[in-house]
Protein backbone atom coordinates (compact mmCIF):
# COMPACT_ATOMS: atom_id res chain seq x y z
CA UNK A 1 121.21 103.37 80.82
CA UNK A 2 119.47 106.65 79.50
CA UNK A 3 115.52 107.28 79.43
CA UNK A 4 113.68 108.54 76.39
CA UNK A 5 110.95 110.07 78.16
CA UNK A 6 107.39 109.92 76.34
CA UNK A 7 106.08 111.64 73.04
CA UNK A 8 102.58 112.17 72.31
CA UNK A 9 102.22 109.09 71.07
CA UNK A 10 103.08 107.67 74.13
CA UNK A 11 101.67 103.99 72.84
CA UNK A 12 98.21 105.84 74.30
CA UNK A 13 96.84 104.57 71.37
CA UNK A 14 97.15 100.66 71.37
CA UNK A 15 95.43 99.00 74.25
CA UNK A 16 91.81 98.80 75.58
CA UNK A 17 93.11 99.19 78.60
CA UNK A 18 92.85 102.83 80.58
CA UNK A 19 96.76 104.01 81.81
CA UNK A 20 95.59 104.58 85.36
CA UNK A 21 98.99 103.80 87.28
CA UNK A 22 101.82 105.63 88.02
CA UNK A 23 104.93 105.40 89.12
CA UNK A 24 104.32 105.64 93.05
CA UNK A 25 101.44 102.66 92.73
CA UNK A 26 103.28 100.59 90.45
CA UNK A 27 107.05 100.84 92.54
CA UNK A 28 104.21 99.00 95.06
CA UNK A 29 103.40 96.62 93.57
CA UNK A 30 106.94 95.49 92.48
CA UNK A 31 107.67 95.83 95.84
CA UNK A 32 104.52 93.56 96.70
CA UNK A 33 105.85 91.27 94.91
CA UNK A 34 108.90 90.84 94.87
CA UNK A 35 109.24 91.05 99.39
CA UNK A 36 107.30 87.32 98.94
CA UNK A 37 107.08 84.92 101.28
CA UNK A 38 110.80 82.74 99.24
CA UNK A 39 112.83 84.90 102.45
CA UNK A 40 110.48 83.75 104.77
CA UNK A 41 111.71 79.86 104.26
CA UNK A 42 114.73 80.05 102.67
CA UNK A 43 116.73 81.83 104.79
CA UNK A 44 118.33 78.49 106.42
CA UNK A 45 118.57 76.71 102.88
CA UNK A 46 121.00 79.44 102.46
CA UNK A 47 122.74 79.18 105.58
CA UNK A 48 123.90 75.13 104.71
CA UNK A 49 125.84 77.44 101.76
CA UNK A 50 127.89 80.11 103.81
CA UNK A 51 127.16 79.69 107.33
CA UNK A 52 126.68 82.84 108.71
CA UNK A 53 127.87 85.17 105.17
CA UNK A 54 124.29 84.97 104.44
CA UNK A 55 124.69 88.63 102.69
CA UNK A 56 127.26 87.00 100.11
CA UNK A 57 124.21 84.97 98.24
CA UNK A 58 122.02 88.11 98.19
CA UNK A 59 124.59 90.33 97.18
CA UNK A 60 125.91 88.17 93.57
CA UNK A 61 121.12 87.83 93.27
CA UNK A 62 121.09 90.93 93.54
CA UNK A 63 123.56 92.52 90.59
CA UNK A 64 122.03 89.77 88.69
CA UNK A 65 118.68 90.25 89.51
CA UNK A 66 119.30 94.35 88.52
CA UNK A 67 120.84 93.61 85.13
CA UNK A 68 117.78 91.56 83.78
CA UNK A 69 115.39 95.23 85.54
CA UNK A 70 117.46 96.54 82.99
CA UNK A 71 116.76 94.34 79.88
CA UNK A 72 113.35 94.21 81.48
CA UNK A 73 112.49 98.24 81.85
CA UNK A 74 113.76 98.33 78.27
CA UNK A 75 111.32 95.47 76.82
CA UNK A 76 108.21 96.38 78.92
CA UNK A 77 108.85 99.90 77.55
CA UNK A 78 109.37 99.43 73.84
CA UNK A 79 106.40 96.60 73.97
CA UNK A 80 103.94 97.97 76.81
CA UNK A 81 101.89 95.39 76.62
CA UNK A 82 100.69 92.46 78.21
CA UNK A 83 102.30 88.96 77.53
CA UNK A 84 105.75 89.67 79.72
CA UNK A 85 108.27 86.82 78.05
CA UNK A 86 106.73 85.56 75.78
CA UNK A 87 105.44 87.57 73.94
CA UNK A 88 109.12 89.08 73.66
CA UNK A 89 110.32 85.44 72.74
CA UNK A 90 107.03 85.93 70.03
CA UNK A 91 108.58 89.15 68.10
CA UNK A 92 112.29 88.28 68.54
CA UNK A 93 112.00 84.17 67.17
CA UNK A 94 109.38 83.77 65.96
CA UNK A 95 109.14 80.58 66.16
CA UNK A 96 106.22 79.29 67.69
CA UNK A 97 107.57 76.30 69.51
CA UNK A 98 110.84 78.70 71.29
CA UNK A 99 107.07 80.78 72.32
CA UNK A 100 105.28 78.20 73.90
CA UNK A 101 108.23 77.08 75.76
CA UNK A 102 108.69 80.73 77.29
CA UNK A 103 105.92 80.72 78.78
CA UNK A 104 105.55 76.66 79.53
CA UNK A 105 108.77 78.34 81.92
CA UNK A 106 106.63 80.72 82.76
CA UNK A 107 103.32 78.73 84.17
CA UNK A 108 105.35 75.81 85.44
CA UNK A 109 107.83 77.94 87.34
CA UNK A 110 104.56 79.29 89.13
CA UNK A 111 103.28 75.53 89.76
CA UNK A 112 106.57 74.68 91.89
CA UNK A 113 106.89 77.42 93.35
CA UNK A 114 103.48 76.90 94.78
CA UNK A 115 104.26 73.39 95.81
CA UNK A 116 107.22 74.92 97.59
CA UNK A 117 105.24 77.53 99.33
CA UNK A 118 103.16 74.58 99.77
CA UNK A 119 105.86 72.72 101.59
CA UNK A 120 106.87 75.57 104.00
CA UNK A 121 103.36 76.64 105.21
CA UNK A 122 103.47 72.16 107.11
CA UNK A 123 106.72 73.05 107.84
CA UNK A 124 107.61 74.97 111.96
CA UNK A 125 105.27 77.82 111.10
CA UNK A 126 102.37 75.94 111.22
CA UNK A 127 104.34 73.55 114.20
CA UNK A 128 104.34 76.64 116.59
CA UNK A 129 100.25 76.90 115.93
CA UNK A 130 99.67 73.40 116.38
CA UNK A 131 100.79 69.93 115.30
CA UNK A 132 99.33 67.86 112.54
CA UNK A 133 101.15 65.67 110.20
CA UNK A 134 102.86 67.43 107.42
CA UNK A 135 101.18 66.54 104.05
CA UNK A 136 97.49 65.89 104.72
CA UNK A 137 98.22 69.38 105.45
CA UNK A 138 99.87 69.95 102.42
CA UNK A 139 97.90 68.55 99.96
CA UNK A 140 94.63 70.35 101.92
CA UNK A 141 96.83 73.68 101.79
CA UNK A 142 96.80 73.31 98.14
CA UNK A 143 92.95 71.37 97.40
CA UNK A 144 92.05 75.82 99.43
CA UNK A 145 93.81 77.27 97.17
CA UNK A 146 92.72 75.97 94.11
CA UNK A 147 89.02 76.55 95.48
CA UNK A 148 90.37 80.47 95.99
CA UNK A 149 90.90 80.52 92.46
CA UNK A 150 87.96 78.33 90.36
CA UNK A 151 85.93 81.51 92.64
CA UNK A 152 87.23 83.97 90.70
CA UNK A 153 91.11 86.63 90.41
CA UNK A 154 89.19 89.87 92.35
CA UNK A 155 88.23 87.41 95.31
CA UNK A 156 92.75 86.21 95.18
CA UNK A 157 93.88 89.90 94.48
CA UNK A 158 91.26 91.73 97.40
CA UNK A 159 93.44 88.83 99.64
CA UNK A 160 96.96 89.27 97.90
CA UNK A 161 96.21 93.25 99.14
CA UNK A 162 96.16 92.48 102.17
CA UNK A 163 97.92 89.46 102.83
CA UNK A 164 100.59 91.64 100.99
CA UNK A 165 101.11 94.45 103.75
CA UNK A 166 100.42 91.59 107.13
CA UNK A 167 104.09 90.04 105.28
CA UNK A 168 105.45 92.83 104.60
CA UNK A 169 105.32 93.67 108.00
CA UNK A 170 106.32 90.48 109.24
CA UNK A 171 109.50 91.40 107.94
CA UNK A 172 110.08 94.82 109.08
CA UNK A 173 109.13 93.28 112.52
CA UNK A 174 112.49 91.10 112.08
CA UNK A 175 114.59 94.08 111.10
CA UNK A 176 113.38 95.78 114.06
CA UNK A 177 113.65 92.88 116.53
CA UNK A 178 117.74 91.66 114.83
CA UNK A 179 118.09 95.85 116.00
CA UNK A 180 116.92 96.14 119.63
CA UNK A 181 119.25 92.87 119.70
CA UNK A 182 122.39 94.00 118.57
CA UNK A 183 121.74 97.66 120.05
CA UNK A 184 122.16 95.84 123.44
CA UNK A 185 124.82 94.16 123.04
CA UNK A 186 122.88 90.27 122.27
CA UNK A 187 124.13 88.13 119.10
CA UNK A 188 127.17 87.52 117.95
CA UNK A 189 128.61 90.29 114.68
CA UNK A 190 131.56 87.93 113.89
CA UNK A 191 129.01 85.87 112.81
CA UNK A 192 128.35 87.88 109.57
CA UNK A 193 132.07 87.38 108.66
CA UNK A 194 132.07 83.22 109.89
CA UNK A 195 131.48 80.77 106.51
CA UNK A 196 130.51 77.42 106.41
CA UNK A 197 133.74 75.20 107.61
CA UNK A 198 132.03 72.31 105.21
CA UNK A 199 133.34 74.08 101.48
CA UNK A 200 135.17 77.51 100.61
CA UNK A 201 133.06 81.13 100.50
CA UNK A 202 132.79 81.46 97.68
CA UNK A 203 132.23 78.32 95.92
CA UNK A 204 129.07 78.56 99.44
CA UNK A 205 128.82 81.83 97.96
CA UNK A 206 127.76 80.65 94.51
CA UNK A 207 125.88 77.54 95.14
CA UNK A 208 123.85 79.78 97.62
CA UNK A 209 123.30 82.98 95.04
CA UNK A 210 120.95 80.29 93.31
CA UNK A 211 118.40 79.98 95.99
CA UNK A 212 119.07 83.73 96.76
CA UNK A 213 118.04 84.75 92.96
CA UNK A 214 114.90 83.15 94.05
CA UNK A 215 114.21 85.41 96.61
CA UNK A 216 114.06 88.34 93.60
CA UNK A 217 111.61 87.07 91.26
CA UNK A 218 109.07 88.82 91.21
CA UNK A 219 109.53 91.68 89.21
CA UNK A 220 109.20 89.70 86.12
CA UNK A 221 105.20 89.50 87.07
CA UNK A 222 104.95 93.46 86.48
CA UNK A 223 105.23 93.37 82.58
CA UNK A 224 102.22 92.01 83.15
CA UNK A 225 100.60 95.01 83.62
CA UNK A 226 102.25 97.46 81.66
CA UNK A 227 99.20 98.26 79.16
CA UNK A 228 97.88 99.58 82.68
CA UNK A 229 100.40 102.59 82.82
CA UNK A 230 101.06 105.71 82.56
CA UNK A 231 103.81 106.34 81.28
CA UNK A 232 105.87 103.43 80.83
CA UNK A 233 109.31 104.47 78.99
CA UNK A 234 109.94 106.80 82.62
CA UNK A 235 107.55 104.56 84.63
CA UNK A 236 109.09 101.09 84.70
CA UNK A 237 112.79 102.12 84.89
CA UNK A 238 112.02 104.23 88.32
CA UNK A 239 109.86 101.11 89.78
CA UNK A 240 111.96 98.06 88.49
CA UNK A 241 115.00 99.12 90.23
CA UNK A 242 113.99 101.49 92.71
CA UNK A 243 111.70 98.06 93.92
CA UNK A 244 114.73 95.64 93.52
CA UNK A 245 116.99 97.88 94.74
CA UNK A 246 113.93 97.82 97.96
CA UNK A 247 113.95 94.79 97.99
CA UNK A 248 117.67 94.30 98.62
CA UNK A 249 117.81 96.32 101.24
CA UNK A 250 115.07 94.72 103.34
CA UNK A 251 116.63 91.58 102.06
CA UNK A 252 120.43 91.72 102.96
CA UNK A 253 119.43 93.63 106.40
CA UNK A 254 117.41 90.27 107.68
CA UNK A 255 120.66 87.98 106.00
CA UNK A 256 122.73 90.46 109.01
CA UNK A 257 119.93 90.41 111.84
CA UNK A 258 119.13 86.74 111.28
CA UNK A 259 123.31 85.86 111.04
CA UNK A 260 123.86 87.77 114.26
CA UNK A 261 120.87 86.56 116.74
CA UNK A 262 120.52 82.71 115.63
CA UNK A 263 123.47 79.93 115.26
CA UNK A 264 123.84 79.55 111.62
CA UNK A 265 124.08 75.26 112.59
CA UNK A 266 120.38 76.16 113.80
CA UNK A 267 118.98 77.71 110.69
CA UNK A 268 120.02 75.84 108.76
CA UNK A 269 117.56 73.19 110.21
CA UNK A 270 114.80 74.80 110.32
CA UNK A 271 112.09 75.52 107.80
CA UNK A 272 111.06 78.78 109.77
CA UNK A 273 114.01 79.91 109.81
CA UNK A 274 112.77 83.82 110.85
CA UNK A 275 111.44 82.73 113.39
CA UNK A 276 114.15 81.98 115.32
CA UNK A 277 115.23 85.17 114.92
CA UNK A 278 111.99 85.96 116.84
CA UNK A 279 112.08 83.04 119.88
CA UNK A 280 116.12 83.53 120.26
CA UNK A 281 116.11 87.36 120.87
CA UNK A 282 114.24 86.75 124.65
CA UNK A 283 111.39 90.23 123.06
CA UNK A 284 108.06 89.30 125.03
CA UNK A 285 106.67 88.15 120.99
CA UNK A 286 104.33 85.70 120.93
CA UNK A 287 106.33 83.04 118.58
CA UNK A 288 103.03 81.92 117.52
CA UNK A 289 101.67 85.28 116.30
CA UNK A 290 104.59 85.69 113.87
CA UNK A 291 103.93 82.55 112.72
CA UNK A 292 100.60 83.57 111.93
CA UNK A 293 102.52 86.41 110.11
CA UNK A 294 104.33 83.72 108.42
CA UNK A 295 101.72 81.20 107.12
CA UNK A 296 100.03 84.37 105.96
CA UNK A 297 102.29 85.38 103.79
CA UNK A 298 103.30 81.83 102.66
CA UNK A 299 100.16 81.26 101.39
CA UNK A 300 99.08 84.86 99.89
CA UNK A 301 102.82 83.59 97.73
CA UNK A 302 101.00 80.26 96.66
CA UNK A 303 97.85 82.11 95.88
CA UNK A 304 99.44 84.66 93.70
CA UNK A 305 101.72 81.22 91.66
CA UNK A 306 99.04 79.31 91.78
CA UNK A 307 96.38 82.30 89.95
CA UNK A 308 99.33 83.02 87.83
CA UNK A 309 100.57 79.53 85.73
CA UNK A 310 96.23 79.44 85.83
CA UNK A 311 96.34 82.09 83.74
CA UNK A 312 99.48 81.98 81.98
CA UNK A 313 98.06 78.36 80.91
CA UNK A 314 95.39 79.81 80.06
CA UNK A 315 96.72 81.67 78.23
CA UNK A 316 98.92 79.99 75.58
CA UNK A 317 95.52 77.10 75.20
CA UNK A 318 93.89 81.24 73.48
CA UNK A 319 97.22 81.19 71.62
CA UNK A 320 96.59 77.33 70.51
CA UNK A 321 99.78 76.91 72.02
CA UNK A 322 98.25 73.90 74.50
CA UNK A 323 95.54 71.55 73.35
CA UNK A 324 91.92 73.28 74.24
CA UNK A 325 90.41 71.89 76.42
CA UNK A 326 93.16 74.33 78.92
CA UNK A 327 90.78 77.09 77.76
CA UNK A 328 87.42 76.06 78.62
CA UNK A 329 85.67 78.49 81.00
CA UNK A 330 83.19 77.78 83.70
CA UNK A 331 79.59 79.35 82.89
CA UNK A 332 78.93 81.24 86.37
CA UNK A 333 81.72 82.95 87.53
CA UNK A 334 84.14 82.91 84.37
CA UNK A 335 87.02 81.18 85.56
CA UNK A 336 89.67 79.25 83.43
CA UNK A 337 88.43 75.80 85.66
CA UNK A 338 90.40 73.16 83.75
CA UNK A 339 94.01 75.40 84.31
CA UNK A 340 93.15 76.15 87.49
CA UNK A 341 92.11 72.05 88.41
CA UNK A 342 95.15 70.93 86.86
CA UNK A 343 97.41 73.66 88.21
CA UNK A 344 96.04 72.83 91.66
CA UNK A 345 96.55 68.97 90.71
CA UNK A 346 100.27 69.35 89.52
CA UNK A 347 101.04 71.82 91.89
CA UNK A 348 100.21 68.68 94.54
CA UNK A 349 102.44 66.29 92.82
CA UNK A 350 105.39 68.27 93.05
CA UNK A 351 104.79 68.88 96.53
CA UNK A 352 106.55 65.89 96.92
CA UNK A 353 109.10 66.03 94.42
CA UNK A 354 111.02 66.90 96.40
CA UNK A 355 113.02 69.62 99.34
CA UNK A 356 112.33 73.31 99.32
CA UNK A 357 116.32 73.55 98.36
CA UNK A 358 115.12 71.89 95.56
CA UNK A 359 112.07 72.93 94.57
CA UNK A 360 113.66 76.60 94.93
CA UNK A 361 116.26 75.77 92.04
CA UNK A 362 113.91 74.17 89.88
CA UNK A 363 112.14 77.58 89.85
CA UNK A 364 115.62 79.06 89.22
CA UNK A 365 116.78 76.49 86.87
CA UNK A 366 113.10 77.56 84.77
CA UNK A 367 112.92 81.27 85.03
CA UNK A 368 116.81 81.37 83.98
CA UNK A 369 116.16 79.98 81.19
CA UNK A 370 113.45 83.21 80.89
CA UNK A 371 115.31 85.70 81.80
CA UNK A 372 118.46 84.62 79.01
CA UNK A 373 115.01 84.24 76.53
CA UNK A 374 114.26 88.08 77.26
CA UNK A 375 118.12 89.01 77.04
CA UNK A 376 118.36 87.47 74.02
CA UNK A 377 115.15 89.09 72.50
CA UNK A 378 116.13 92.45 73.92
CA UNK A 379 119.46 91.83 71.47
CA UNK A 380 117.85 90.50 68.89
CA UNK A 381 115.57 93.76 68.75
CA UNK A 382 117.97 96.49 68.65
CA UNK A 383 117.56 97.26 65.41
CA UNK A 384 113.03 97.50 66.14
CA UNK A 385 111.55 100.72 65.33
CA UNK A 386 108.52 102.06 67.89
CA UNK A 387 106.61 105.11 67.23
CA UNK A 388 106.88 105.71 70.26
CA UNK A 389 110.46 106.75 73.39
CA UNK A 390 111.52 104.32 75.81
CA UNK A 391 113.33 103.02 78.00
CA UNK A 392 116.90 101.78 76.71
CA UNK A 393 119.85 100.04 77.85
CA UNK A 394 123.28 99.66 76.64
CA UNK A 395 124.23 96.13 75.12
CA UNK A 396 126.36 95.59 77.89
CA UNK A 397 123.44 95.25 80.00
CA UNK A 398 121.99 92.20 78.48
CA UNK A 399 125.22 90.12 77.31
CA UNK A 400 126.30 90.53 81.31
CA UNK A 401 122.51 89.39 81.90
CA UNK A 402 122.97 86.30 79.68
CA UNK A 403 126.52 85.51 81.68
CA UNK A 404 125.63 85.92 84.89
CA UNK A 405 122.08 83.42 84.40
CA UNK A 406 124.28 81.34 83.06
CA UNK A 407 126.76 80.76 85.92
CA UNK A 408 123.97 80.63 87.98
CA UNK A 409 122.35 77.13 85.74
CA UNK A 410 126.34 76.52 86.10
CA UNK A 411 125.51 76.14 90.19
CA UNK A 412 122.49 73.89 89.26
CA UNK A 413 123.24 70.03 90.92
CA UNK A 414 122.45 67.15 88.38
CA UNK A 415 118.80 66.45 89.67
CA UNK A 416 117.49 69.87 89.36
CA UNK A 417 118.39 69.17 84.96
CA UNK A 418 116.98 66.63 85.53
CA UNK A 419 113.41 67.67 86.91
CA UNK A 420 114.22 71.20 84.93
CA UNK A 421 114.78 68.15 81.13
CA UNK A 422 111.25 66.91 82.15
CA UNK A 423 110.02 70.10 81.94
CA UNK A 424 110.26 70.21 78.68
CA UNK A 425 109.43 66.83 77.66
CA UNK A 426 105.92 66.93 79.59
CA UNK A 427 105.96 70.96 77.58
CA UNK A 428 106.84 69.60 74.33
CA UNK A 429 104.00 66.51 74.40
CA UNK A 430 101.55 69.07 75.34
CA UNK A 431 102.46 71.14 72.62
CA UNK A 432 102.53 68.01 69.61
CA UNK A 433 99.13 67.41 70.57
CA UNK A 434 98.23 70.72 70.44
CA UNK A 435 99.22 71.12 66.96
CA UNK A 436 97.00 68.53 65.98
CA UNK A 437 93.98 69.48 67.57
CA UNK A 438 94.71 72.47 65.40
CA UNK A 439 95.45 70.92 62.25
CA UNK A 440 91.55 68.75 62.32
CA UNK A 441 90.28 72.03 63.51
CA UNK A 442 91.60 74.05 60.59
CA UNK A 443 91.20 71.19 57.78
CA UNK A 444 87.24 70.38 58.90
CA UNK A 445 85.27 67.02 58.63
CA UNK A 446 86.46 65.39 55.72
CA UNK A 447 84.23 64.71 52.84
CA UNK A 448 82.65 61.23 51.21
CA UNK A 449 81.94 60.43 48.44
CA UNK A 450 78.13 58.81 48.26
CA UNK A 451 78.00 55.58 46.63
CA UNK A 452 77.11 55.32 42.84
C-alpha cells in the first residue's frame, strides 16, 4: 500500500464545509464508533460456536475488516465527500436502483442493529438492576430514543460523546479485572484453546466470525466525515488502520479474559456476558455498577444507529430514491420527523423478529453486500483520475476483501437470507413508489381542453 500524500489541490476547494478534523481526532472518532455495544452482547453468542476459543472468530473478522478498511481508505481519500458507499456505487455503476439498494441496506442495517441493542438492553444487564418485563422495556426504550432523535442531532451527539467515554471505560475495566484474576492464579487459561464440543473448531470459527464481524462495523460511518477532514489522503489511512487494529486488540484481550475467567457454557447462555466476568472475578466491584455502564453503552449504540438510519432515509428521499414524504422536516426543530418516526416504528417491529444472534447476522448480511459493492466500486474506478493525490491500495486488496466477504456470506443460514430477501422486496417497492411519484411531478398537471 502506498500513501501519495496531498498536493496543493487537495480537494479543499470542492466542499462548503471546513476541513478542521486532523488524524488524531479522526482516529478517536473511528475508535469510538467501532468500540460499540456489540462486544457487550455478542461474546456469549460466539461462545456457542467456539467454546473458549473466542479469539479465533475475532481474528478472522479483523482480517476481513482490515482488507475492507484498505478499500475505504482509497475511496474516501479519492472522493472526500459525505455519502460513503452509496456515493461510490452511484459513480461506479451509474444505475439509480443499485445506488438505492446500497443506501437502503445501510439504513436497514441501522434499524436491525438498533433492534438488536434494544433486546440486549432489556436482558441480563437490566435484570441486575431491576426486574421488569422484557417486551414493555424494549418498546419504551426505543420510544425514548426516537424522542431524543426527534429533539435534534445536537442533543443526540452530545449524549454520544459522554456515553463513548463511559462505554470505553467499561471495556477497559473488563480487561483489567481479567488480568487481575489471571495474575493471581485464578481462572482457567486452558479454556482459550478448548473449542466447543458440538462442532469442529474451524466450522465454528467461521460461523462465529459472522457475529464477530459485527463488532468491527463502525468504520464505515467515518466516510460521512470526509468533507471535514484535513489532508484526507494522509489522515484516513492512518486513522482507519490504527482504529481497526486498536479495536481488534481490545476485543482480543476481552475474548481471552472472558474465556479464562468464565466457563464458555455460562457465557453462551447469558445476554450480559461481560457482567459474568465481573461477577465471577470475586472482586469488590458492584455488579449493578458495571450493568449501568453496559446499559449506557448499549443505549448509545442504539441511538447512533437510529440517527444514522433516519438521516440516510431522509437523504434517499431528498435524492428522489424514496417517496418524498420521508423528506418532510419539522418546522420547529428542523429534524426529518417522518424518517425518524418511521425508523423508530420499524426498529420496534424488528425487535420482535428474532434473537440477538439472528439480528446480528442480518446486520452483517446487509453490510457485507455494502462492502462488496464498495470493493467492486474501487476496482471499477481504479482508472478514474482525480485532481488530487490520494491513498491507493493494490487491486489485490479489494479482490481479497470481496472473496472474504463472500466466504462470510456462505456462513449465513436460510433464515437470515430470507430476512435479507424481505428487505430487498420492501426496498424495491419503496423505490418504485418513489419512481412513480417523481414521474408524476415531472409530468405536471394534465392540461384539459375546454369544451366547445
